[in-house]
Amino acid sequence: MKKSQHKIPASLMQTRIKQQVQDELIKIKDQQHDEFRRGYETASKDVTGLYKPKIDEQKQQLLDQAKRHQSRVEELKAAMQSAPAQILPMIQGEAMRLGFFVGNKGTSWKWFSNIAFALIVAVQAFYDALPPELITSLPDGTQSKITVALAILGFVGRYINQSKPKPLAPIEESK
């Protein structure tokens, strides 16, 4: 008698081969992943062992430096409190004058020079809006003379001290 062989369809055979290959790849990936994880853990332990003393030393140096700075800050605070009360307003006033811009720019609209320059702009803008009869009745060069006078006043106004004097703090006498 003749044995009958069952033929497996080619597509099924290819599917089974692909499945076995994928299973082998997954096993290899898992093995590689485990090896990589073990290698990473041993390397991180080695690095920690090598650099931990240096890191601890640097931390200690930073703590010592912070303590020195804190003690210096406390010394300076004590020195500031023992300083005469009259020197502090002068120091604080000088600190406000440093830099490119003025310290009280919020009140600049009140300054003589800024008012003069605003008037120059107003004269230039509204001179042509005057009726022609009024302009012809004015002497020649009136607009330029008014502008020059306001510019000079604005320049001089820049040098006028317009800040209100602040009273000094009373001196405390120690007994």
N, C-alpha and C. Protein backbone atom coordinates (compact mmCIF):
# COMPACT_ATOMS: atom_id res chain seq x y z
N MET A 1 0.81 -1.18 0.00
CA MET A 1 0.00 0.00 0.00
C MET A 1 0.86 1.25 0.00
N LYS A 2 0.32 2.11 -0.62
CA LYS A 2 1.04 3.35 -0.78
C LYS A 2 0.57 4.34 0.28
N LYS A 3 1.57 4.97 0.92
CA LYS A 3 1.21 5.99 1.93
C LYS A 3 0.84 7.28 1.22
N SER A 4 -0.16 7.91 1.71
CA SER A 4 -0.56 9.19 1.12
C SER A 4 0.03 10.34 1.95
N GLN A 5 0.61 11.20 1.27
CA GLN A 5 1.18 12.36 1.96
C GLN A 5 0.22 13.53 1.81
N HIS A 6 0.07 14.20 2.93
CA HIS A 6 -0.78 15.41 2.88
C HIS A 6 0.11 16.60 2.56
N LYS A 7 -0.29 17.32 1.60
CA LYS A 7 0.47 18.51 1.24
C LYS A 7 -0.04 19.70 2.05
N ILE A 8 0.93 20.47 2.57
CA ILE A 8 0.58 21.69 3.32
C ILE A 8 0.61 22.85 2.33
N PRO A 9 -0.41 23.63 2.33
CA PRO A 9 -0.44 24.76 1.39
C PRO A 9 0.77 25.69 1.63
N ALA A 10 1.26 26.28 0.57
CA ALA A 10 2.45 27.13 0.63
C ALA A 10 2.22 28.36 1.51
N SER A 11 1.05 28.94 1.43
CA SER A 11 0.78 30.14 2.23
C SER A 11 0.79 29.81 3.72
N LEU A 12 0.27 28.66 4.09
CA LEU A 12 0.28 28.25 5.48
C LEU A 12 1.71 27.99 5.94
N MET A 13 2.49 27.38 5.07
CA MET A 13 3.88 27.10 5.39
C MET A 13 4.64 28.41 5.61
N GLN A 14 4.41 29.40 4.77
CA GLN A 14 5.09 30.69 4.92
C GLN A 14 4.65 31.37 6.21
N THR A 15 3.40 31.29 6.53
CA THR A 15 2.89 31.88 7.77
C THR A 15 3.55 31.23 8.98
N ARG A 16 3.66 29.91 8.98
CA ARG A 16 4.29 29.22 10.11
C ARG A 16 5.77 29.60 10.23
N ILE A 17 6.44 29.70 9.12
CA ILE A 17 7.87 30.08 9.15
C ILE A 17 8.02 31.49 9.70
N LYS A 18 7.20 32.42 9.21
CA LYS A 18 7.26 33.80 9.71
C LYS A 18 6.99 33.85 11.20
N GLN A 19 6.04 33.08 11.68
CA GLN A 19 5.70 33.07 13.11
C GLN A 19 6.87 32.54 13.93
N GLN A 20 7.53 31.46 13.45
CA GLN A 20 8.67 30.92 14.18
C GLN A 20 9.84 31.91 14.20
N VAL A 21 10.07 32.59 13.10
CA VAL A 21 11.14 33.60 13.03
C VAL A 21 10.84 34.74 14.00
N GLN A 22 9.61 35.21 14.05
CA GLN A 22 9.24 36.30 14.97
C GLN A 22 9.41 35.86 16.42
N ASP A 23 9.02 34.63 16.72
CA ASP A 23 9.21 34.13 18.09
C ASP A 23 10.68 34.09 18.48
N GLU A 24 11.54 33.66 17.55
CA GLU A 24 12.98 33.62 17.82
C GLU A 24 13.53 35.03 18.01
N LEU A 25 13.07 35.97 17.20
CA LEU A 25 13.53 37.36 17.33
C LEU A 25 13.11 37.94 18.68
N ILE A 26 11.92 37.65 19.12
CA ILE A 26 11.45 38.15 20.42
C ILE A 26 12.31 37.58 21.54
N LYS A 27 12.67 36.29 21.43
CA LYS A 27 13.53 35.68 22.45
C LYS A 27 14.89 36.35 22.47
N ILE A 28 15.44 36.60 21.27
CA ILE A 28 16.76 37.24 21.18
C ILE A 28 16.70 38.65 21.76
N LYS A 29 15.64 39.40 21.43
CA LYS A 29 15.49 40.76 21.96
C LYS A 29 15.40 40.75 23.47
N ASP A 30 14.63 39.83 24.02
CA ASP A 30 14.51 39.74 25.47
C ASP A 30 15.85 39.43 26.11
N GLN A 31 16.60 38.50 25.50
CA GLN A 31 17.91 38.17 26.04
C GLN A 31 18.84 39.37 25.96
N GLN A 32 18.84 40.08 24.84
CA GLN A 32 19.68 41.26 24.69
C GLN A 32 19.26 42.34 25.67
N HIS A 33 17.97 42.49 25.86
CA HIS A 33 17.48 43.50 26.79
C HIS A 33 17.95 43.18 28.21
N ASP A 34 17.85 41.92 28.60
CA ASP A 34 18.30 41.53 29.94
C ASP A 34 19.79 41.75 30.10
N GLU A 35 20.56 41.40 29.06
CA GLU A 35 22.01 41.61 29.12
C GLU A 35 22.34 43.09 29.21
N PHE A 36 21.65 43.89 28.43
CA PHE A 36 21.87 45.33 28.47
C PHE A 36 21.53 45.90 29.84
N ARG A 37 20.41 45.48 30.41
CA ARG A 37 20.00 45.97 31.73
C ARG A 37 21.03 45.59 32.79
N ARG A 38 21.52 44.35 32.74
CA ARG A 38 22.53 43.92 33.71
C ARG A 38 23.82 44.72 33.54
N GLY A 39 24.22 44.95 32.30
CA GLY A 39 25.42 45.75 32.03
C GLY A 39 25.26 47.18 32.52
N TYR A 40 24.08 47.75 32.28
CA TYR A 40 23.82 49.12 32.74
C TYR A 40 23.88 49.21 34.25
N GLU A 41 23.29 48.25 34.92
CA GLU A 41 23.28 48.27 36.39
C GLU A 41 24.69 48.16 36.95
N THR A 42 25.50 47.25 36.39
CA THR A 42 26.88 47.13 36.89
C THR A 42 27.69 48.38 36.58
N ALA A 43 27.48 48.98 35.39
CA ALA A 43 28.21 50.20 35.04
C ALA A 43 27.81 51.36 35.95
N SER A 44 26.53 51.49 36.24
CA SER A 44 26.11 52.58 37.11
C SER A 44 26.64 52.39 38.52
N LYS A 45 26.73 51.14 38.98
CA LYS A 45 27.33 50.89 40.30
C LYS A 45 28.80 51.25 40.29
N ASP A 46 29.50 50.92 39.21
CA ASP A 46 30.92 51.25 39.11
C ASP A 46 31.13 52.76 39.09
N VAL A 47 30.32 53.47 38.31
CA VAL A 47 30.46 54.94 38.23
C VAL A 47 30.14 55.57 39.57
N THR A 48 29.11 55.10 40.23
CA THR A 48 28.76 55.63 41.55
C THR A 48 29.89 55.39 42.53
N GLY A 49 30.49 54.23 42.46
CA GLY A 49 31.60 53.92 43.36
C GLY A 49 32.81 54.78 43.08
N LEU A 50 33.04 55.11 41.81
CA LEU A 50 34.20 55.92 41.46
C LEU A 50 34.02 57.38 41.86
N TYR A 51 32.86 57.95 41.59
CA TYR A 51 32.67 59.40 41.74
C TYR A 51 31.98 59.80 43.03
N LYS A 52 31.47 58.88 43.80
CA LYS A 52 30.77 59.25 45.03
C LYS A 52 31.65 60.02 45.99
N PRO A 53 32.92 59.63 46.21
CA PRO A 53 33.76 60.43 47.12
C PRO A 53 33.96 61.86 46.62
N LYS A 54 34.15 62.03 45.31
CA LYS A 54 34.33 63.38 44.78
C LYS A 54 33.06 64.20 44.93
N ILE A 55 31.93 63.58 44.67
CA ILE A 55 30.65 64.28 44.80
C ILE A 55 30.42 64.69 46.25
N ASP A 56 30.70 63.79 47.18
CA ASP A 56 30.54 64.11 48.60
C ASP A 56 31.48 65.25 49.01
N GLU A 57 32.71 65.22 48.49
CA GLU A 57 33.68 66.27 48.81
C GLU A 57 33.19 67.62 48.29
N GLN A 58 32.67 67.65 47.06
CA GLN A 58 32.17 68.90 46.49
C GLN A 58 30.94 69.41 47.24
N LYS A 59 30.09 68.50 47.66
CA LYS A 59 28.93 68.91 48.46
C LYS A 59 29.38 69.56 49.75
N GLN A 60 30.38 68.97 50.39
CA GLN A 60 30.89 69.52 51.65
C GLN A 60 31.51 70.90 51.42
N GLN A 61 32.24 71.05 50.32
CA GLN A 61 32.83 72.35 50.00
C GLN A 61 31.74 73.40 49.79
N LEU A 62 30.68 73.04 49.09
CA LEU A 62 29.58 73.98 48.88
C LEU A 62 28.89 74.35 50.19
N LEU A 63 28.71 73.38 51.06
CA LEU A 63 28.11 73.68 52.36
C LEU A 63 29.00 74.62 53.17
N ASP A 64 30.31 74.38 53.15
CA ASP A 64 31.23 75.26 53.87
C ASP A 64 31.20 76.68 53.30
N GLN A 65 31.17 76.76 51.98
CA GLN A 65 31.10 78.07 51.34
C GLN A 65 29.81 78.79 51.70
N ALA A 66 28.70 78.08 51.71
CA ALA A 66 27.42 78.69 52.07
C ALA A 66 27.45 79.20 53.51
N LYS A 67 28.07 78.45 54.40
CA LYS A 67 28.17 78.89 55.80
C LYS A 67 29.02 80.15 55.90
N ARG A 68 30.14 80.19 55.15
CA ARG A 68 30.99 81.40 55.18
C ARG A 68 30.23 82.61 54.65
N HIS A 69 29.50 82.42 53.56
CA HIS A 69 28.72 83.54 53.00
C HIS A 69 27.64 84.00 53.98
N GLN A 70 26.98 83.07 54.61
CA GLN A 70 25.93 83.44 55.56
C GLN A 70 26.51 84.22 56.73
N SER A 71 27.66 83.80 57.21
CA SER A 71 28.27 84.54 58.33
C SER A 71 28.68 85.93 57.88
N ARG A 72 29.18 86.06 56.63
CA ARG A 72 29.56 87.39 56.12
C ARG A 72 28.32 88.28 55.97
N VAL A 73 27.22 87.71 55.52
CA VAL A 73 25.98 88.48 55.39
C VAL A 73 25.52 88.98 56.75
N GLU A 74 25.60 88.13 57.74
CA GLU A 74 25.20 88.55 59.08
C GLU A 74 26.11 89.64 59.61
N GLU A 75 27.42 89.57 59.32
CA GLU A 75 28.34 90.63 59.73
C GLU A 75 27.98 91.95 59.07
N LEU A 76 27.67 91.90 57.78
CA LEU A 76 27.33 93.13 57.06
C LEU A 76 26.01 93.72 57.55
N LYS A 77 25.05 92.86 57.87
CA LYS A 77 23.78 93.37 58.41
C LYS A 77 24.02 94.07 59.74
N ALA A 78 24.86 93.48 60.58
CA ALA A 78 25.16 94.10 61.86
C ALA A 78 25.88 95.42 61.66
N ALA A 79 26.78 95.49 60.68
CA ALA A 79 27.50 96.73 60.41
C ALA A 79 26.55 97.80 59.88
N MET A 80 25.58 97.40 59.07
CA MET A 80 24.61 98.36 58.54
C MET A 80 23.74 98.94 59.64
N GLN A 81 23.39 98.13 60.60
CA GLN A 81 22.54 98.62 61.68
C GLN A 81 23.31 99.52 62.63
N SER A 82 24.62 99.32 62.72
CA SER A 82 25.41 100.18 63.60
C SER A 82 25.85 101.45 62.89
N ALA A 83 25.65 101.55 61.57
CA ALA A 83 26.02 102.76 60.84
C ALA A 83 25.09 103.90 61.22
N PRO A 84 25.60 105.14 61.17
CA PRO A 84 24.74 106.29 61.49
C PRO A 84 23.54 106.37 60.54
N ALA A 85 22.44 106.81 61.05
CA ALA A 85 21.20 106.87 60.28
C ALA A 85 21.27 107.88 59.14
N GLN A 86 22.17 108.87 59.24
CA GLN A 86 22.24 109.90 58.21
C GLN A 86 22.97 109.42 56.96
N ILE A 87 23.80 108.43 57.06
CA ILE A 87 24.55 107.96 55.90
C ILE A 87 23.65 107.12 54.99
N LEU A 88 22.73 106.39 55.56
CA LEU A 88 21.89 105.48 54.77
C LEU A 88 21.08 106.18 53.68
N PRO A 89 20.42 107.34 53.96
CA PRO A 89 19.68 107.98 52.86
C PRO A 89 20.60 108.41 51.72
N MET A 90 21.82 108.82 52.04
CA MET A 90 22.74 109.23 50.98
C MET A 90 23.13 108.02 50.14
N ILE A 91 23.39 106.90 50.77
CA ILE A 91 23.77 105.70 50.03
C ILE A 91 22.61 105.24 49.16
N GLN A 92 21.42 105.24 49.71
CA GLN A 92 20.27 104.80 48.94
C GLN A 92 19.99 105.76 47.80
N GLY A 93 20.18 107.05 48.01
CA GLY A 93 19.99 108.02 46.94
C GLY A 93 20.99 107.84 45.82
N GLU A 94 22.23 107.54 46.15
CA GLU A 94 23.24 107.30 45.14
C GLU A 94 22.93 106.06 44.34
N ALA A 95 22.39 105.05 44.99
CA ALA A 95 22.07 103.80 44.28
C ALA A 95 20.99 104.05 43.24
N MET A 96 20.10 105.01 43.49
CA MET A 96 19.03 105.29 42.54
C MET A 96 19.56 106.04 41.32
N ARG A 97 20.68 106.75 41.45
CA ARG A 97 21.19 107.55 40.35
C ARG A 97 22.06 106.75 39.39
N LEU A 98 22.37 105.53 39.72
CA LEU A 98 23.19 104.72 38.84
C LEU A 98 22.35 104.23 37.67
N GLY A 99 22.99 104.03 36.53
CA GLY A 99 22.27 103.52 35.38
C GLY A 99 22.02 104.60 34.35
N PHE A 100 21.44 104.20 33.24
CA PHE A 100 21.21 105.11 32.12
C PHE A 100 19.96 105.95 32.30
N PHE A 101 18.92 105.37 32.88
CA PHE A 101 17.65 106.07 33.02
C PHE A 101 17.51 106.67 34.41
N VAL A 102 16.66 107.66 34.53
CA VAL A 102 16.41 108.29 35.81
C VAL A 102 15.55 107.38 36.68
N GLY A 103 15.65 107.56 37.98
CA GLY A 103 14.91 106.71 38.89
C GLY A 103 13.44 107.07 39.02
N ASN A 104 13.11 108.33 38.78
CA ASN A 104 11.72 108.78 38.97
C ASN A 104 11.07 109.12 37.63
N LYS A 105 11.18 108.20 36.68
CA LYS A 105 10.62 108.46 35.34
C LYS A 105 9.10 108.49 35.34
N GLY A 106 8.47 108.03 36.40
CA GLY A 106 7.02 108.06 36.47
C GLY A 106 6.47 109.48 36.59
N THR A 107 7.29 110.41 37.07
CA THR A 107 6.85 111.79 37.21
C THR A 107 7.46 112.68 36.14
N SER A 108 7.98 112.09 35.05
CA SER A 108 8.66 112.90 34.02
C SER A 108 7.72 113.87 33.31
N TRP A 109 6.45 113.60 33.32
CA TRP A 109 5.51 114.51 32.66
C TRP A 109 5.45 115.86 33.35
N LYS A 110 5.91 115.96 34.60
CA LYS A 110 5.88 117.21 35.34
C LYS A 110 7.14 118.05 35.12
N TRP A 111 8.18 117.48 34.56
CA TRP A 111 9.46 118.16 34.45
C TRP A 111 9.37 119.33 33.47
N PHE A 112 10.08 120.39 33.79
CA PHE A 112 10.05 121.60 32.96
C PHE A 112 10.50 121.30 31.52
N SER A 113 11.55 120.52 31.39
CA SER A 113 12.09 120.26 30.05
C SER A 113 11.09 119.46 29.20
N ASN A 114 10.41 118.49 29.77
CA ASN A 114 9.46 117.71 29.00
C ASN A 114 8.23 118.54 28.63
N ILE A 115 7.83 119.44 29.51
CA ILE A 115 6.71 120.33 29.18
C ILE A 115 7.10 121.25 28.04
N ALA A 116 8.35 121.77 28.07
CA ALA A 116 8.81 122.66 27.00
C ALA A 116 8.87 121.92 25.67
N PHE A 117 9.34 120.71 25.67
CA PHE A 117 9.42 119.95 24.42
C PHE A 117 8.03 119.59 23.90
N ALA A 118 7.09 119.35 24.78
CA ALA A 118 5.71 119.09 24.35
C ALA A 118 5.11 120.36 23.73
N LEU A 119 5.45 121.51 24.29
CA LEU A 119 4.97 122.77 23.71
C LEU A 119 5.58 123.02 22.34
N ILE A 120 6.82 122.60 22.13
CA ILE A 120 7.43 122.74 20.80
C ILE A 120 6.64 121.93 19.78
N VAL A 121 6.30 120.73 20.14
CA VAL A 121 5.51 119.88 19.23
C VAL A 121 4.15 120.52 18.97
N ALA A 122 3.54 121.07 20.01
CA ALA A 122 2.23 121.70 19.84
C ALA A 122 2.32 122.92 18.93
N VAL A 123 3.36 123.74 19.09
CA VAL A 123 3.51 124.93 18.25
C VAL A 123 3.68 124.51 16.80
N GLN A 124 4.53 123.51 16.55
CA GLN A 124 4.76 123.07 15.17
C GLN A 124 3.48 122.48 14.56
N ALA A 125 2.69 121.78 15.35
CA ALA A 125 1.50 121.11 14.82
C ALA A 125 0.34 122.08 14.60
N PHE A 126 0.19 123.02 15.49
CA PHE A 126 -1.01 123.87 15.43
C PHE A 126 -0.77 125.25 14.80
N TYR A 127 0.46 125.59 14.48
CA TYR A 127 0.72 126.90 13.87
C TYR A 127 0.07 127.00 12.49
N ASP A 128 0.15 125.90 11.74
CA ASP A 128 -0.45 125.92 10.40
C ASP A 128 -1.97 125.85 10.46
N ALA A 129 -2.53 125.45 11.59
CA ALA A 129 -3.98 125.36 11.72
C ALA A 129 -4.61 126.72 12.03
N LEU A 130 -3.76 127.70 12.31
CA LEU A 130 -4.29 129.05 12.60
C LEU A 130 -4.86 129.66 11.31
N PRO A 131 -5.82 130.55 11.45
CA PRO A 131 -6.37 131.22 10.25
C PRO A 131 -5.28 132.03 9.55
N PRO A 132 -5.32 132.10 8.23
CA PRO A 132 -4.27 132.84 7.49
C PRO A 132 -4.20 134.32 7.87
N GLU A 133 -5.34 134.92 8.23
CA GLU A 133 -5.33 136.33 8.62
C GLU A 133 -4.50 136.53 9.89
N LEU A 134 -4.61 135.57 10.82
CA LEU A 134 -3.86 135.67 12.08
C LEU A 134 -2.37 135.46 11.83
N ILE A 135 -2.03 134.52 10.97
CA ILE A 135 -0.62 134.26 10.67
C ILE A 135 0.02 135.47 9.98
N THR A 136 -0.70 136.11 9.06
CA THR A 136 -0.15 137.29 8.36
C THR A 136 -0.03 138.48 9.30
N SER A 137 -0.84 138.53 10.33
CA SER A 137 -0.74 139.66 11.26
C SER A 137 0.45 139.51 12.22
N LEU A 138 0.99 138.30 12.36
CA LEU A 138 2.15 138.07 13.23
C LEU A 138 3.42 138.45 12.50
N PRO A 139 4.44 138.87 13.24
CA PRO A 139 5.72 139.21 12.58
C PRO A 139 6.34 137.97 11.92
N ASP A 140 7.22 138.22 10.93
CA ASP A 140 7.88 137.12 10.23
C ASP A 140 8.77 136.34 11.19
N GLY A 141 8.80 135.03 11.03
CA GLY A 141 9.66 134.17 11.85
C GLY A 141 9.15 133.93 13.26
N THR A 142 7.87 134.20 13.50
CA THR A 142 7.31 134.02 14.85
C THR A 142 7.37 132.55 15.26
N GLN A 143 7.04 131.66 14.36
CA GLN A 143 7.03 130.23 14.68
C GLN A 143 8.42 129.75 15.07
N SER A 144 9.42 130.12 14.31
CA SER A 144 10.78 129.65 14.61
C SER A 144 11.31 130.29 15.90
N LYS A 145 10.95 131.55 16.15
CA LYS A 145 11.42 132.20 17.38
C LYS A 145 10.79 131.55 18.62
N ILE A 146 9.49 131.22 18.53
CA ILE A 146 8.81 130.54 19.65
C ILE A 146 9.45 129.17 19.88
N THR A 147 9.73 128.46 18.79
CA THR A 147 10.33 127.13 18.90
C THR A 147 11.71 127.21 19.54
N VAL A 148 12.54 128.16 19.12
CA VAL A 148 13.89 128.31 19.68
C VAL A 148 13.80 128.68 21.16
N ALA A 149 12.90 129.57 21.52
CA ALA A 149 12.76 129.98 22.92
C ALA A 149 12.33 128.78 23.79
N LEU A 150 11.39 128.00 23.30
CA LEU A 150 10.96 126.81 24.06
C LEU A 150 12.08 125.77 24.16
N ALA A 151 12.89 125.62 23.11
CA ALA A 151 14.00 124.67 23.15
C ALA A 151 15.04 125.10 24.18
N ILE A 152 15.32 126.38 24.24
CA ILE A 152 16.28 126.88 25.24
C ILE A 152 15.72 126.69 26.65
N LEU A 153 14.45 126.99 26.83
CA LEU A 153 13.83 126.77 28.15
C LEU A 153 13.85 125.28 28.53
N GLY A 154 13.61 124.41 27.56
CA GLY A 154 13.66 122.97 27.82
C GLY A 154 15.05 122.51 28.20
N PHE A 155 16.06 123.04 27.53
CA PHE A 155 17.44 122.69 27.85
C PHE A 155 17.82 123.17 29.24
N VAL A 156 17.45 124.39 29.57
CA VAL A 156 17.74 124.92 30.91
C VAL A 156 16.92 124.16 31.97
N GLY A 157 15.69 123.80 31.64
CA GLY A 157 14.84 123.08 32.57
C GLY A 157 15.39 121.71 32.94
N ARG A 158 16.23 121.16 32.09
CA ARG A 158 16.85 119.86 32.38
C ARG A 158 17.78 119.96 33.60
N TYR A 159 18.35 121.13 33.81
CA TYR A 159 19.34 121.30 34.89
C TYR A 159 18.75 121.86 36.17
N ILE A 160 17.48 122.14 36.20
CA ILE A 160 16.83 122.63 37.42
C ILE A 160 16.45 121.45 38.28
N ASN A 161 16.83 121.48 39.54
CA ASN A 161 16.48 120.40 40.46
C ASN A 161 15.00 120.54 40.81
N GLN A 162 14.21 119.57 40.42
CA GLN A 162 12.77 119.65 40.62
C GLN A 162 12.26 118.64 41.63
N SER A 163 13.19 117.99 42.31
CA SER A 163 12.77 117.02 43.32
C SER A 163 12.57 117.72 44.65
N LYS A 164 11.59 117.25 45.38
CA LYS A 164 11.31 117.84 46.69
C LYS A 164 12.31 117.30 47.69
N PRO A 165 12.88 118.14 48.52
CA PRO A 165 13.85 117.63 49.51
C PRO A 165 13.15 116.76 50.55
N LYS A 166 13.81 115.68 50.89
CA LYS A 166 13.25 114.78 51.90
C LYS A 166 13.94 115.07 53.23
N PRO A 167 13.16 115.12 54.29
CA PRO A 167 13.78 115.41 55.59
C PRO A 167 14.64 114.22 56.03
N LEU A 168 15.74 114.55 56.70
CA LEU A 168 16.62 113.50 57.21
C LEU A 168 16.01 112.88 58.46
N ALA A 169 16.35 111.65 58.68
CA ALA A 169 15.85 110.96 59.88
C ALA A 169 16.54 111.55 61.11
N PRO A 170 15.82 111.62 62.23
CA PRO A 170 16.44 112.19 63.42
C PRO A 170 17.56 111.27 63.93
N ILE A 171 18.57 111.92 64.48
CA ILE A 171 19.71 111.16 65.01
C ILE A 171 19.36 110.68 66.41
N GLU A 172 19.55 109.39 66.60
CA GLU A 172 19.27 108.81 67.92
C GLU A 172 20.56 108.84 68.74
N GLU A 173 20.49 109.45 69.88
CA GLU A 173 21.67 109.49 70.73
C GLU A 173 21.65 108.31 71.68
N SER A 174 22.77 107.61 71.72
CA SER A 174 22.85 106.46 72.62
C SER A 174 23.38 106.92 73.97
N LYS A 175 22.78 106.42 75.03
CA LYS A 175 23.21 106.82 76.37
C LYS A 175 23.91 105.70 77.07
